[in-house]
PDB file of N, CA and C in Angstrom:
ATOM      1  N   ILE A   1       9.881  10.417  -4.860  1.00  0.00           N
ATOM      2  CA  ILE A   1      10.884   9.996  -5.812  1.00  0.00           C
ATOM      3  C   ILE A   1      10.956   8.468  -5.844  1.00  0.00           C
ATOM      4  N   LEU A   2      10.968   7.853  -4.647  1.00  0.00           N
ATOM      5  CA  LEU A   2      11.026   6.388  -4.587  1.00  0.00           C
ATOM      6  C   LEU A   2       9.810   5.767  -5.263  1.00  0.00           C
ATOM      7  N   THR A   3       8.641   6.305  -4.990  1.00  0.00           N
ATOM      8  CA  THR A   3       7.432   5.748  -5.588  1.00  0.00           C
ATOM      9  C   THR A   3       7.485   5.832  -7.103  1.00  0.00           C
ATOM     10  N   THR A   4       7.918   6.962  -7.629  1.00  0.00           N
ATOM     11  CA  THR A   4       8.014   7.136  -9.076  1.00  0.00           C
ATOM     12  C   THR A   4       8.966   6.130  -9.687  1.00  0.00           C
ATOM     13  N   ARG A   5      10.112   5.948  -9.065  1.00  0.00           N
ATOM     14  CA  ARG A   5      11.102   5.025  -9.612  1.00  0.00           C
ATOM     15  C   ARG A   5      10.681   3.564  -9.451  1.00  0.00           C
ATOM     16  N   LEU A   6      10.072   3.232  -8.327  1.00  0.00           N
ATOM     17  CA  LEU A   6       9.624   1.861  -8.120  1.00  0.00           C
ATOM     18  C   LEU A   6       8.472   1.491  -9.053  1.00  0.00           C
ATOM     19  N   THR A   7       7.627   2.461  -9.390  1.00  0.00           N
ATOM     20  CA  THR A   7       6.494   2.204 -10.263  1.00  0.00           C
ATOM     21  C   THR A   7       6.950   1.756 -11.649  1.00  0.00           C
ATOM     22  N   LYS A   8       8.117   2.212 -12.073  1.00  0.00           N
ATOM     23  CA  LYS A   8       8.642   1.779 -13.378  1.00  0.00           C
ATOM     24  C   LYS A   8       8.933   0.284 -13.368  1.00  0.00           C
ATOM     25  N   ALA A   9       9.483  -0.224 -12.282  1.00  0.00           N
ATOM     26  CA  ALA A   9       9.830  -1.640 -12.185  1.00  0.00           C
ATOM     27  C   ALA A   9       8.641  -2.487 -11.731  1.00  0.00           C
ATOM     28  N   CYS A  10       7.809  -1.920 -10.885  1.00  0.00           N
ATOM     29  CA  CYS A  10       6.683  -2.666 -10.317  1.00  0.00           C
ATOM     30  C   CYS A  10       5.397  -1.856 -10.492  1.00  0.00           C
ATOM     31  N   PRO A  11       4.802  -1.895 -11.682  1.00  0.00           N
ATOM     32  CA  PRO A  11       3.579  -1.113 -11.912  1.00  0.00           C
ATOM     33  C   PRO A  11       2.462  -1.537 -10.961  1.00  0.00           C
ATOM     34  N   ILE A  12       1.662  -0.572 -10.541  1.00  0.00           N
ATOM     35  CA  ILE A  12       0.562  -0.872  -9.634  1.00  0.00           C
ATOM     36  C   ILE A  12      -0.758  -0.781 -10.385  1.00  0.00           C
ATOM     37  N   ASN A  13      -1.764  -1.438  -9.843  1.00  0.00           N
ATOM     38  CA  ASN A  13      -3.087  -1.411 -10.429  1.00  0.00           C
ATOM     39  C   ASN A  13      -3.632   0.005 -10.369  1.00  0.00           C
ATOM     40  N   PRO A  14      -4.286   0.476 -11.441  1.00  0.00           N
ATOM     41  CA  PRO A  14      -4.831   1.844 -11.424  1.00  0.00           C
ATOM     42  C   PRO A  14      -5.869   2.074 -10.342  1.00  0.00           C
ATOM     43  N   ARG A  15      -6.443   1.004  -9.786  1.00  0.00           N
ATOM     44  CA  ARG A  15      -7.432   1.138  -8.709  1.00  0.00           C
ATOM     45  C   ARG A  15      -6.790   1.218  -7.334  1.00  0.00           C
ATOM     46  N   GLN A  16      -5.485   1.055  -7.255  1.00  0.00           N
ATOM     47  CA  GLN A  16      -4.766   1.134  -5.977  1.00  0.00           C
ATOM     48  C   GLN A  16      -4.970   2.514  -5.366  1.00  0.00           C
ATOM     49  N   ARG A  17      -5.326   2.547  -4.108  1.00  0.00           N
ATOM     50  CA  ARG A  17      -5.524   3.838  -3.433  1.00  0.00           C
ATOM     51  C   ARG A  17      -4.666   3.969  -2.175  1.00  0.00           C
ATOM     52  N   GLY A  18      -4.195   2.872  -1.632  1.00  0.00           N
ATOM     53  CA  GLY A  18      -3.392   2.944  -0.422  1.00  0.00           C
ATOM     54  C   GLY A  18      -1.956   3.310  -0.722  1.00  0.00           C
ATOM     55  N   PHE A  19      -1.379   4.129   0.101  1.00  0.00           N
ATOM     56  CA  PHE A  19       0.039   4.477   0.064  1.00  0.00           C
ATOM     57  C   PHE A  19       0.467   5.235  -1.184  1.00  0.00           C
ATOM     58  N   ILE A  20      -0.467   5.815  -1.909  1.00  0.00           N
ATOM     59  CA  ILE A  20      -0.113   6.644  -3.054  1.00  0.00           C
ATOM     60  C   ILE A  20      -0.913   7.937  -2.994  1.00  0.00           C
ATOM     61  N   ARG A  21      -0.415   8.951  -3.665  1.00  0.00           N
ATOM     62  CA  ARG A  21      -1.122  10.219  -3.720  1.00  0.00           C
ATOM     63  C   ARG A  21      -2.277  10.074  -4.703  1.00  0.00           C
ATOM     64  N   SER A  22      -3.514  10.249  -4.215  1.00  0.00           N
ATOM     65  CA  SER A  22      -4.694  10.119  -5.072  1.00  0.00           C
ATOM     66  C   SER A  22      -5.855  10.855  -4.427  1.00  0.00           C
ATOM     67  N   VAL A  23      -6.985  10.824  -5.117  1.00  0.00           N
ATOM     68  CA  VAL A  23      -8.164  11.512  -4.604  1.00  0.00           C
ATOM     69  C   VAL A  23      -8.815  10.761  -3.449  1.00  0.00           C
ATOM     70  N   GLY A  24      -8.237   9.666  -3.049  1.00  0.00           N
ATOM     71  CA  GLY A  24      -8.786   8.882  -1.952  1.00  0.00           C
ATOM     72  C   GLY A  24      -9.574   7.706  -2.471  1.00  0.00           C
ATOM     73  N   CYS A  25     -10.429   7.178  -1.640  1.00  0.00           N
ATOM     74  CA  CYS A  25     -11.158   5.963  -2.006  1.00  0.00           C
ATOM     75  C   CYS A  25     -12.546   6.268  -2.540  1.00  0.00           C
ATOM     76  N   ALA A  26     -12.914   7.550  -2.711  1.00  0.00           N
ATOM     77  CA  ALA A  26     -14.261   7.916  -3.155  1.00  0.00           C
ATOM     78  C   ALA A  26     -14.615   7.271  -4.492  1.00  0.00           C
ATOM     79  N   GLU A  27     -13.677   7.234  -5.428  1.00  0.00           N
ATOM     80  CA  GLU A  27     -13.952   6.642  -6.737  1.00  0.00           C
ATOM     81  C   GLU A  27     -14.239   5.148  -6.602  1.00  0.00           C
ATOM     82  N   ASN A  28     -13.439   4.457  -5.816  1.00  0.00           N
ATOM     83  CA  ASN A  28     -13.662   3.020  -5.629  1.00  0.00           C
ATOM     84  C   ASN A  28     -14.992   2.744  -4.931  1.00  0.00           C
ATOM     85  N   LEU A  29     -15.352   3.568  -3.961  1.00  0.00           N
ATOM     86  CA  LEU A  29     -16.642   3.398  -3.288  1.00  0.00           C
ATOM     87  C   LEU A  29     -17.800   3.612  -4.258  1.00  0.00           C
ATOM     88  N   LYS A  30     -17.650   4.587  -5.139  1.00  0.00           N
ATOM     89  CA  LYS A  30     -18.689   4.847  -6.143  1.00  0.00           C
ATOM     90  C   LYS A  30     -18.822   3.648  -7.083  1.00  0.00           C
ATOM     91  N   LEU A  31     -17.707   3.043  -7.470  1.00  0.00           N
ATOM     92  CA  LEU A  31     -17.756   1.858  -8.322  1.00  0.00           C
ATOM     93  C   LEU A  31     -18.493   0.707  -7.650  1.00  0.00           C
ATOM     94  N   VAL A  32     -18.229   0.498  -6.364  1.00  0.00           N
ATOM     95  CA  VAL A  32     -18.931  -0.563  -5.624  1.00  0.00           C
ATOM     96  C   VAL A  32     -20.428  -0.254  -5.568  1.00  0.00           C
ATOM     97  N   GLN A  33     -20.753   1.004  -5.313  1.00  0.00           N
ATOM     98  CA  GLN A  33     -22.161   1.402  -5.253  1.00  0.00           C
ATOM     99  C   GLN A  33     -22.853   1.149  -6.595  1.00  0.00           C
ATOM    100  N   LEU A  34     -22.212   1.510  -7.701  1.00  0.00           N
ATOM    101  CA  LEU A  34     -22.784   1.281  -9.029  1.00  0.00           C
ATOM    102  C   LEU A  34     -22.945  -0.214  -9.312  1.00  0.00           C
ATOM    103  N   LEU A  35     -21.972  -1.003  -8.890  1.00  0.00           N
ATOM    104  CA  LEU A  35     -22.043  -2.451  -9.082  1.00  0.00           C
ATOM    105  C   LEU A  35     -23.219  -3.044  -8.315  1.00  0.00           C
ATOM    106  N   ILE A  36     -23.410  -2.614  -7.089  1.00  0.00           N
ATOM    107  CA  ILE A  36     -24.528  -3.100  -6.278  1.00  0.00           C
ATOM    108  C   ILE A  36     -25.858  -2.715  -6.914  1.00  0.00           C
ATOM    109  N   CYS A  37     -25.976  -1.473  -7.342  1.00  0.00           N
ATOM    110  CA  CYS A  37     -27.220  -1.022  -7.989  1.00  0.00           C
ATOM    111  C   CYS A  37     -27.508  -1.823  -9.256  1.00  0.00           C
ATOM    112  N   HIS A  38     -26.471  -2.063 -10.060  1.00  0.00           N
ATOM    113  CA  HIS A  38     -26.645  -2.820 -11.310  1.00  0.00           C
ATOM    114  C   HIS A  38     -27.107  -4.252 -11.025  1.00  0.00           C
ATOM    115  N   THR A  39     -26.462  -4.901 -10.064  1.00  0.00           N
ATOM    116  CA  THR A  39     -26.827  -6.293  -9.782  1.00  0.00           C
ATOM    117  C   THR A  39     -28.237  -6.399  -9.191  1.00  0.00           C
ATOM    118  N   LYS A  40     -28.634  -5.418  -8.414  1.00  0.00           N
ATOM    119  CA  LYS A  40     -30.008  -5.414  -7.885  1.00  0.00           C
ATOM    120  C   LYS A  40     -31.014  -5.226  -9.016  1.00  0.00           C
ATOM    121  N   ARG A  41     -30.723  -4.263  -9.885  1.00  0.00           N
ATOM    122  CA  ARG A  41     -31.623  -3.955 -10.996  1.00  0.00           C
ATOM    123  C   ARG A  41     -31.773  -5.158 -11.935  1.00  0.00           C
ATOM    124  N   GLU A  42     -30.676  -5.869 -12.173  1.00  0.00           N
ATOM    125  CA  GLU A  42     -30.685  -7.012 -13.089  1.00  0.00           C
ATOM    126  C   GLU A  42     -30.948  -8.344 -12.376  1.00  0.00           C
ATOM    127  N   HIS A  43     -31.183  -8.289 -11.071  1.00  0.00           N
ATOM    128  CA  HIS A  43     -31.438  -9.493 -10.260  1.00  0.00           C
ATOM    129  C   HIS A  43     -30.310 -10.513 -10.421  1.00  0.00           C
ATOM    130  N   LEU A  44     -29.085 -10.034 -10.314  1.00  0.00           N
ATOM    131  CA  LEU A  44     -27.902 -10.883 -10.443  1.00  0.00           C
ATOM    132  C   LEU A  44     -27.297 -11.153  -9.071  1.00  0.00           C
ATOM    133  N   PRO A  45     -26.680 -12.313  -8.911  1.00  0.00           N
ATOM    134  CA  PRO A  45     -26.000 -12.580  -7.624  1.00  0.00           C
ATOM    135  C   PRO A  45     -24.736 -11.734  -7.515  1.00  0.00           C
ATOM    136  N   LEU A  46     -24.392 -11.374  -6.312  1.00  0.00           N
ATOM    137  CA  LEU A  46     -23.192 -10.560  -6.093  1.00  0.00           C
ATOM    138  C   LEU A  46     -22.579 -10.921  -4.749  1.00  0.00           C
ATOM    139  N   GLY A  47     -21.288 -11.102  -4.757  1.00  0.00           N
ATOM    140  CA  GLY A  47     -20.542 -11.293  -3.519  1.00  0.00           C
ATOM    141  C   GLY A  47     -19.460 -10.225  -3.442  1.00  0.00           C
ATOM    142  N   VAL A  48     -19.339  -9.602  -2.299  1.00  0.00           N
ATOM    143  CA  VAL A  48     -18.346  -8.547  -2.114  1.00  0.00           C
ATOM    144  C   VAL A  48     -17.499  -8.888  -0.897  1.00  0.00           C
ATOM    145  N   VAL A  49     -16.205  -8.764  -1.047  1.00  0.00           N
ATOM    146  CA  VAL A  49     -15.290  -9.035   0.050  1.00  0.00           C
ATOM    147  C   VAL A  49     -14.380  -7.827   0.227  1.00  0.00           C
ATOM    148  N   PHE A  50     -14.256  -7.355   1.439  1.00  0.00           N
ATOM    149  CA  PHE A  50     -13.323  -6.288   1.767  1.00  0.00           C
ATOM    150  C   PHE A  50     -12.220  -6.901   2.611  1.00  0.00           C
ATOM    151  N   VAL A  51     -11.002  -6.750   2.175  1.00  0.00           N
ATOM    152  CA  VAL A  51      -9.874  -7.368   2.859  1.00  0.00           C
ATOM    153  C   VAL A  51      -9.021  -6.271   3.490  1.00  0.00           C
ATOM    154  N   ASP A  52      -8.788  -6.406   4.769  1.00  0.00           N
ATOM    155  CA  ASP A  52      -7.913  -5.485   5.480  1.00  0.00           C
ATOM    156  C   ASP A  52      -6.695  -6.287   5.915  1.00  0.00           C
ATOM    157  N   LEU A  53      -5.536  -5.883   5.445  1.00  0.00           N
ATOM    158  CA  LEU A  53      -4.312  -6.609   5.776  1.00  0.00           C
ATOM    159  C   LEU A  53      -3.474  -5.784   6.748  1.00  0.00           C
ATOM    160  N   PRO A  54      -3.785  -5.887   8.043  1.00  0.00           N
ATOM    161  CA  PRO A  54      -3.009  -5.108   9.011  1.00  0.00           C
ATOM    162  C   PRO A  54      -1.564  -5.579   9.036  1.00  0.00           C
ATOM    163  N   LYS A  55      -0.675  -4.623   9.066  1.00  0.00           N
ATOM    164  CA  LYS A  55       0.756  -4.907   9.125  1.00  0.00           C
ATOM    165  C   LYS A  55       1.210  -5.820   7.987  1.00  0.00           C
ATOM    166  N   ALA A  56       0.611  -5.652   6.806  1.00  0.00           N
ATOM    167  CA  ALA A  56       0.942  -6.513   5.666  1.00  0.00           C
ATOM    168  C   ALA A  56       2.435  -6.437   5.341  1.00  0.00           C
ATOM    169  N   CYS A  57       3.019  -5.280   5.479  1.00  0.00           N
ATOM    170  CA  CYS A  57       4.446  -5.144   5.159  1.00  0.00           C
ATOM    171  C   CYS A  57       5.323  -5.861   6.177  1.00  0.00           C
ATOM    172  N   ASP A  58       4.811  -6.071   7.380  1.00  0.00           N
ATOM    173  CA  ASP A  58       5.587  -6.769   8.409  1.00  0.00           C
ATOM    174  C   ASP A  58       5.611  -8.279   8.194  1.00  0.00           C
ATOM    175  N   THR A  59       4.727  -8.796   7.334  1.00  0.00           N
ATOM    176  CA  THR A  59       4.630 -10.240   7.166  1.00  0.00           C
ATOM    177  C   THR A  59       5.513 -10.774   6.042  1.00  0.00           C
ATOM    178  N   VAL A  60       6.096  -9.897   5.255  1.00  0.00           N
ATOM    179  CA  VAL A  60       6.983 -10.312   4.161  1.00  0.00           C
ATOM    180  C   VAL A  60       8.416 -10.016   4.579  1.00  0.00           C
ATOM    181  N   SER A  61       9.280 -11.007   4.444  1.00  0.00           N
ATOM    182  CA  SER A  61      10.665 -10.799   4.861  1.00  0.00           C
ATOM    183  C   SER A  61      11.346  -9.759   3.975  1.00  0.00           C
ATOM    184  N   HIS A  62      12.295  -9.063   4.556  1.00  0.00           N
ATOM    185  CA  HIS A  62      13.045  -8.060   3.796  1.00  0.00           C
ATOM    186  C   HIS A  62      13.791  -8.711   2.646  1.00  0.00           C
ATOM    187  N   GLN A  63      14.328  -9.888   2.883  1.00  0.00           N
ATOM    188  CA  GLN A  63      15.073 -10.589   1.831  1.00  0.00           C
ATOM    189  C   GLN A  63      14.167 -10.897   0.646  1.00  0.00           C
ATOM    190  N   ARG A  64      12.943 -11.336   0.915  1.00  0.00           N
ATOM    191  CA  ARG A  64      11.999 -11.650  -0.176  1.00  0.00           C
ATOM    192  C   ARG A  64      11.637 -10.386  -0.948  1.00  0.00           C
ATOM    193  N   THR A  65      11.472  -9.280  -0.250  1.00  0.00           N
ATOM    194  CA  THR A  65      11.174  -8.006  -0.907  1.00  0.00           C
ATOM    195  C   THR A  65      12.309  -7.618  -1.843  1.00  0.00           C
ATOM    196  N   ILE A  66      13.539  -7.730  -1.357  1.00  0.00           N
ATOM    197  CA  ILE A  66      14.709  -7.382  -2.173  1.00  0.00           C
ATOM    198  C   ILE A  66      14.816  -8.313  -3.383  1.00  0.00           C
ATOM    199  N   GLU A  67      14.586  -9.602  -3.180  1.00  0.00           N
ATOM    200  CA  GLU A  67      14.628 -10.554  -4.289  1.00  0.00           C
ATOM    201  C   GLU A  67      13.583 -10.205  -5.353  1.00  0.00           C
ATOM    202  N   ALA A  68      12.388  -9.847  -4.913  1.00  0.00           N
ATOM    203  CA  ALA A  68      11.318  -9.496  -5.853  1.00  0.00           C
ATOM    204  C   ALA A  68      11.674  -8.238  -6.636  1.00  0.00           C
ATOM    205  N   LEU A  69      12.260  -7.254  -5.958  1.00  0.00           N
ATOM    206  CA  LEU A  69      12.653  -6.025  -6.650  1.00  0.00           C
ATOM    207  C   LEU A  69      13.741  -6.302  -7.687  1.00  0.00           C
ATOM    208  N   LYS A  70      14.685  -7.144  -7.342  1.00  0.00           N
ATOM    209  CA  LYS A  70      15.742  -7.512  -8.297  1.00  0.00           C
ATOM    210  C   LYS A  70      15.134  -8.221  -9.503  1.00  0.00           C
ATOM    211  N   GLN A  71      14.217  -9.136  -9.238  1.00  0.00           N
ATOM    212  CA  GLN A  71      13.571  -9.889 -10.307  1.00  0.00           C
ATOM    213  C   GLN A  71      12.796  -8.955 -11.246  1.00  0.00           C
ATOM    214  N   LYS A  72      12.202  -7.902 -10.684  1.00  0.00           N
ATOM    215  CA  LYS A  72      11.436  -6.951 -11.484  1.00  0.00           C
ATOM    216  C   LYS A  72      12.323  -5.933 -12.192  1.00  0.00           C
ATOM    217  N   GLY A  73      13.614  -5.955 -11.878  1.00  0.00           N
ATOM    218  CA  GLY A  73      14.536  -5.037 -12.544  1.00  0.00           C
ATOM    219  C   GLY A  73      14.604  -3.650 -11.934  1.00  0.00           C
ATOM    220  N   ALA A  74      14.290  -3.553 -10.646  1.00  0.00           N
ATOM    221  CA  ALA A  74      14.390  -2.254  -9.971  1.00  0.00           C
ATOM    222  C   ALA A  74      15.850  -1.820  -9.922  1.00  0.00           C
ATOM    223  N   ASP A  75      16.067  -0.531  -9.966  1.00  0.00           N
ATOM    224  CA  ASP A  75      17.407   0.040  -9.945  1.00  0.00           C
ATOM    225  C   ASP A  75      18.154  -0.371  -8.668  1.00  0.00           C
ATOM    226  N   HIS A  76      19.423  -0.713  -8.805  1.00  0.00           N
ATOM    227  CA  HIS A  76      20.240  -1.157  -7.680  1.00  0.00           C
ATOM    228  C   HIS A  76      20.264  -0.122  -6.551  1.00  0.00           C
ATOM    229  N   HIS A  77      20.329   1.154  -6.896  1.00  0.00           N
ATOM    230  CA  HIS A  77      20.386   2.212  -5.881  1.00  0.00           C
ATOM    231  C   HIS A  77      19.077   2.280  -5.077  1.00  0.00           C
ATOM    232  N   ILE A  78      17.957   2.055  -5.738  1.00  0.00           N
ATOM    233  CA  ILE A  78      16.669   2.052  -5.044  1.00  0.00           C
ATOM    234  C   ILE A  78      16.596   0.863  -4.089  1.00  0.00           C
ATOM    235  N   ILE A  79      17.045  -0.297  -4.558  1.00  0.00           N
ATOM    236  CA  ILE A  79      17.044  -1.488  -3.697  1.00  0.00           C
ATOM    237  C   ILE A  79      17.924  -1.255  -2.475  1.00  0.00           C
ATOM    238  N   THR A  80      19.069  -0.623  -2.672  1.00  0.00           N
ATOM    239  CA  THR A  80      19.973  -0.332  -1.550  1.00  0.00           C
ATOM    240  C   THR A  80      19.282   0.592  -0.542  1.00  0.00           C
ATOM    241  N   LEU A  81      18.568   1.583  -1.034  1.00  0.00           N
ATOM    242  CA  LEU A  81      17.846   2.502  -0.128  1.00  0.00           C
ATOM    243  C   LEU A  81      16.785   1.772   0.683  1.00  0.00           C
ATOM    244  N   ILE A  82      16.111   0.862   0.037  1.00  0.00           N
ATOM    245  CA  ILE A  82      15.033   0.126   0.731  1.00  0.00           C
ATOM    246  C   ILE A  82      15.631  -0.806   1.763  1.00  0.00           C
TER     247      ILE A  82
END
């Protein structure tokens, strides 16, 4: 319920796979594989970076999170729950 309501105020990228119900990361891995094959076939340069943000939620203050939700127009009751 929270995810559904928060998504209205803070839309997420359709490629987002973490912390949401989805088929997993298989689609994103397939996209990377296709990109690598294409760049090899076309002899194009390619740089790939994988970023792992451990404890990313612990690095943002609660106050900043609440301020961002207010700015995005999230429902007051949802902000109170968070």
